[in-house]
Each structure stands twice: as C-alpha cells, then as structure tokens.
Amino acid sequence: TDFKIDASYVSPNVSVAESLEKAAHIYGVHLLISASVADTCSPAVASCLRLIDKAFVRGSKTPLQLHTLDLDVSALKVTQRGRLTWNTRQRFRARQMLEVEKK
C-alpha cells in the first residue's frame, strides 16, 4: 500500500536516533547530537556545541562523539501557530513528494 516503507534503509538510523534520545535523559541535557550532525552545523552553531562523551550507541558499529548545545530552554520565546489539519488530498501529496525524494 501507499503507507508501507522499506525499513531496511532506516533501521540503523532510527536505532541511533532512539539511543541518542534516551542518552539525552541520562546525561541530563535537552539536546544530544552525534558528530555527523554536528559536522553539518554552520560554524556559528558548531562553535556553541560542547563535546560531552564518546560512546557506543545501539545501531552504530563505532563509538559516536556526543555533543550538546547548552541553552536555557525557559528563555526561548515560543510562538503559537494554528493547528495543522490534514485532509486526504494533503496526505496524498505528501506521500507523492516523499516518493519523488527517494528516486
């Protein structure tokens, strides 16, 4: 069906992301990212990152460098947006766009 995806190409990445999310709670930080994500940050953002550990995480065959961004989340201003509602046409178009990106 249109809702099935080939999980074989996302499995390791999903495992790493899930492991990082759990590790963030262990380290007591709001944001925990791997070095591969840190490498894609702009120089301004990268200069604000702090290396906190190098560890093996589930889904990765090699140890990952774990970085965090120290920030006071209570100081962030949050703007409320209208609720996004999906209809059948929007879902179909979203699936079409995802299929095009796969190719």
C-alpha atoms as a PDB file:
ATOM      1  CA  THR A   1       0.000   0.000   0.000  1.00  0.00           C
ATOM      2  CA  ASP A   2       0.977   3.659  -0.052  1.00  0.00           C
ATOM      3  CA  PHE A   3       1.742   3.579   3.662  1.00  0.00           C
ATOM      4  CA  LYS A   4       4.420   0.858   3.537  1.00  0.00           C
ATOM      5  CA  ILE A   5       8.085   1.828   3.546  1.00  0.00           C
ATOM      6  CA  ASP A   6      11.241  -0.199   3.189  1.00  0.00           C
ATOM      7  CA  ALA A   7      12.509  -0.181   6.777  1.00  0.00           C
ATOM      8  CA  SER A   8      15.845  -1.766   5.875  1.00  0.00           C
ATOM      9  CA  TYR A   9      17.425   1.576   4.996  1.00  0.00           C
ATOM     10  CA  VAL A  10      16.197   3.465   8.060  1.00  0.00           C
ATOM     11  CA  SER A  11      16.660   0.830  10.766  1.00  0.00           C
ATOM     12  CA  PRO A  12      20.215   1.748  11.884  1.00  0.00           C
ATOM     13  CA  ASN A  13      19.459   5.470  11.783  1.00  0.00           C
ATOM     14  CA  VAL A  14      16.266   5.005  13.764  1.00  0.00           C
ATOM     15  CA  SER A  15      18.143   2.940  16.358  1.00  0.00           C
ATOM     16  CA  VAL A  16      20.841   5.607  16.694  1.00  0.00           C
ATOM     17  CA  ALA A  17      18.269   8.401  16.995  1.00  0.00           C
ATOM     18  CA  GLU A  18      16.326   6.466  19.613  1.00  0.00           C
ATOM     19  CA  SER A  19      19.526   5.742  21.548  1.00  0.00           C
ATOM     20  CA  LEU A  20      20.534   9.403  21.463  1.00  0.00           C
ATOM     21  CA  GLU A  21      17.116  10.442  22.716  1.00  0.00           C
ATOM     22  CA  LYS A  22      17.408   8.062  25.672  1.00  0.00           C
ATOM     23  CA  ALA A  23      21.004   9.123  26.313  1.00  0.00           C
ATOM     24  CA  ALA A  24      19.944  12.780  26.478  1.00  0.00           C
ATOM     25  CA  HIS A  25      17.842  11.928  29.516  1.00  0.00           C
ATOM     26  CA  ILE A  26      20.765  10.061  31.094  1.00  0.00           C
ATOM     27  CA  TYR A  27      23.143  12.981  30.531  1.00  0.00           C
ATOM     28  CA  GLY A  28      20.500  15.451  31.691  1.00  0.00           C
ATOM     29  CA  VAL A  29      20.592  17.580  28.534  1.00  0.00           C
ATOM     30  CA  HIS A  30      17.823  18.821  26.263  1.00  0.00           C
ATOM     31  CA  LEU A  31      19.706  18.208  23.020  1.00  0.00           C
ATOM     32  CA  LEU A  32      22.187  15.456  22.205  1.00  0.00           C
ATOM     33  CA  ILE A  33      23.596  15.098  18.702  1.00  0.00           C
ATOM     34  CA  SER A  34      26.208  12.934  17.047  1.00  0.00           C
ATOM     35  CA  ALA A  35      29.348  14.242  15.371  1.00  0.00           C
ATOM     36  CA  SER A  36      27.858  13.599  11.930  1.00  0.00           C
ATOM     37  CA  VAL A  37      25.061  16.049  12.719  1.00  0.00           C
ATOM     38  CA  ALA A  38      27.452  18.497  14.385  1.00  0.00           C
ATOM     39  CA  ASP A  39      29.573  18.486  11.217  1.00  0.00           C
ATOM     40  CA  THR A  40      26.603  19.770   9.205  1.00  0.00           C
ATOM     41  CA  CYS A  41      26.050  22.762  11.504  1.00  0.00           C
ATOM     42  CA  SER A  42      27.110  26.236  10.498  1.00  0.00           C
ATOM     43  CA  PRO A  43      30.387  27.443  12.037  1.00  0.00           C
ATOM     44  CA  ALA A  44      28.421  29.781  14.333  1.00  0.00           C
ATOM     45  CA  VAL A  45      26.299  26.934  15.711  1.00  0.00           C
ATOM     46  CA  ALA A  46      29.201  24.459  15.794  1.00  0.00           C
ATOM     47  CA  SER A  47      31.188  26.853  17.991  1.00  0.00           C
ATOM     48  CA  CYS A  48      28.386  26.652  20.590  1.00  0.00           C
ATOM     49  CA  LEU A  49      28.394  22.845  20.764  1.00  0.00           C
ATOM     50  CA  ARG A  50      30.084  21.026  23.638  1.00  0.00           C
ATOM     51  CA  LEU A  51      31.552  17.533  23.320  1.00  0.00           C
ATOM     52  CA  ILE A  52      30.321  15.561  26.323  1.00  0.00           C
ATOM     53  CA  ASP A  53      31.276  11.955  25.588  1.00  0.00           C
ATOM     54  CA  LYS A  54      32.363   9.343  23.098  1.00  0.00           C
ATOM     55  CA  ALA A  55      30.250   6.217  23.441  1.00  0.00           C
ATOM     56  CA  PHE A  56      28.849   3.206  21.671  1.00  0.00           C
ATOM     57  CA  VAL A  57      25.141   3.504  20.983  1.00  0.00           C
ATOM     58  CA  ARG A  58      22.763   0.868  19.689  1.00  0.00           C
ATOM     59  CA  GLY A  59      22.636   0.957  15.897  1.00  0.00           C
ATOM     60  CA  SER A  60      26.207   2.177  15.453  1.00  0.00           C
ATOM     61  CA  LYS A  61      29.223  -0.072  14.900  1.00  0.00           C
ATOM     62  CA  THR A  62      31.694   2.561  16.032  1.00  0.00           C
ATOM     63  CA  PRO A  63      31.657   4.884  19.044  1.00  0.00           C
ATOM     64  CA  LEU A  64      29.968   8.217  18.425  1.00  0.00           C
ATOM     65  CA  GLN A  65      31.090  11.587  19.644  1.00  0.00           C
ATOM     66  CA  LEU A  66      28.148  13.063  21.536  1.00  0.00           C
ATOM     67  CA  HIS A  67      27.644  16.822  21.538  1.00  0.00           C
ATOM     68  CA  THR A  68      25.174  19.064  23.286  1.00  0.00           C
ATOM     69  CA  LEU A  69      24.096  22.667  22.989  1.00  0.00           C
ATOM     70  CA  ASP A  70      23.930  24.398  26.350  1.00  0.00           C
ATOM     71  CA  LEU A  71      20.945  26.685  26.430  1.00  0.00           C
ATOM     72  CA  ASP A  72      18.270  27.850  28.800  1.00  0.00           C
ATOM     73  CA  VAL A  73      15.092  26.480  27.255  1.00  0.00           C
ATOM     74  CA  SER A  74      12.961  28.547  29.613  1.00  0.00           C
ATOM     75  CA  ALA A  75      14.367  31.700  27.963  1.00  0.00           C
ATOM     76  CA  LEU A  76      13.188  30.668  24.494  1.00  0.00           C
ATOM     77  CA  LYS A  77      10.213  32.517  23.119  1.00  0.00           C
ATOM     78  CA  VAL A  78       7.594  30.201  21.675  1.00  0.00           C
ATOM     79  CA  THR A  79       5.094  31.487  19.173  1.00  0.00           C
ATOM     80  CA  GLN A  80       1.852  29.603  18.801  1.00  0.00           C
ATOM     81  CA  ARG A  81       0.782  28.646  15.316  1.00  0.00           C
ATOM     82  CA  GLY A  82      -2.567  27.490  14.103  1.00  0.00           C
ATOM     83  CA  ARG A  83      -3.238  23.800  14.295  1.00  0.00           C
ATOM     84  CA  LEU A  84      -2.295  21.889  11.171  1.00  0.00           C
ATOM     85  CA  THR A  85      -5.116  19.742   9.900  1.00  0.00           C
ATOM     86  CA  TRP A  86      -4.547  17.096   7.272  1.00  0.00           C
ATOM     87  CA  ASN A  87      -7.067  16.023   4.707  1.00  0.00           C
ATOM     88  CA  THR A  88      -6.845  13.130   2.266  1.00  0.00           C
ATOM     89  CA  ARG A  89      -5.516  15.301  -0.557  1.00  0.00           C
ATOM     90  CA  GLN A  90      -2.713  16.749   1.604  1.00  0.00           C
ATOM     91  CA  ARG A  91      -1.654  13.292   2.776  1.00  0.00           C
ATOM     92  CA  PHE A  92      -1.588  12.040  -0.808  1.00  0.00           C
ATOM     93  CA  ARG A  93       0.548  14.987  -1.947  1.00  0.00           C
ATOM     94  CA  ALA A  94       2.941  14.488   0.966  1.00  0.00           C
ATOM     95  CA  ARG A  95       3.380  10.817   0.048  1.00  0.00           C
ATOM     96  CA  GLN A  96       3.967  11.801  -3.589  1.00  0.00           C
ATOM     97  CA  MET A  97       6.701  14.239  -2.570  1.00  0.00           C
ATOM     98  CA  LEU A  98       8.373  11.592  -0.396  1.00  0.00           C
ATOM     99  CA  GLU A  99       8.321   9.116  -3.277  1.00  0.00           C
ATOM    100  CA  VAL A 100       9.969  11.667  -5.585  1.00  0.00           C
ATOM    101  CA  GLU A 101      12.714  12.282  -2.999  1.00  0.00           C
ATOM    102  CA  LYS A 102      13.507   8.542  -2.874  1.00  0.00           C
ATOM    103  CA  LYS A 103      14.368   8.497  -6.586  1.00  0.00           C
END
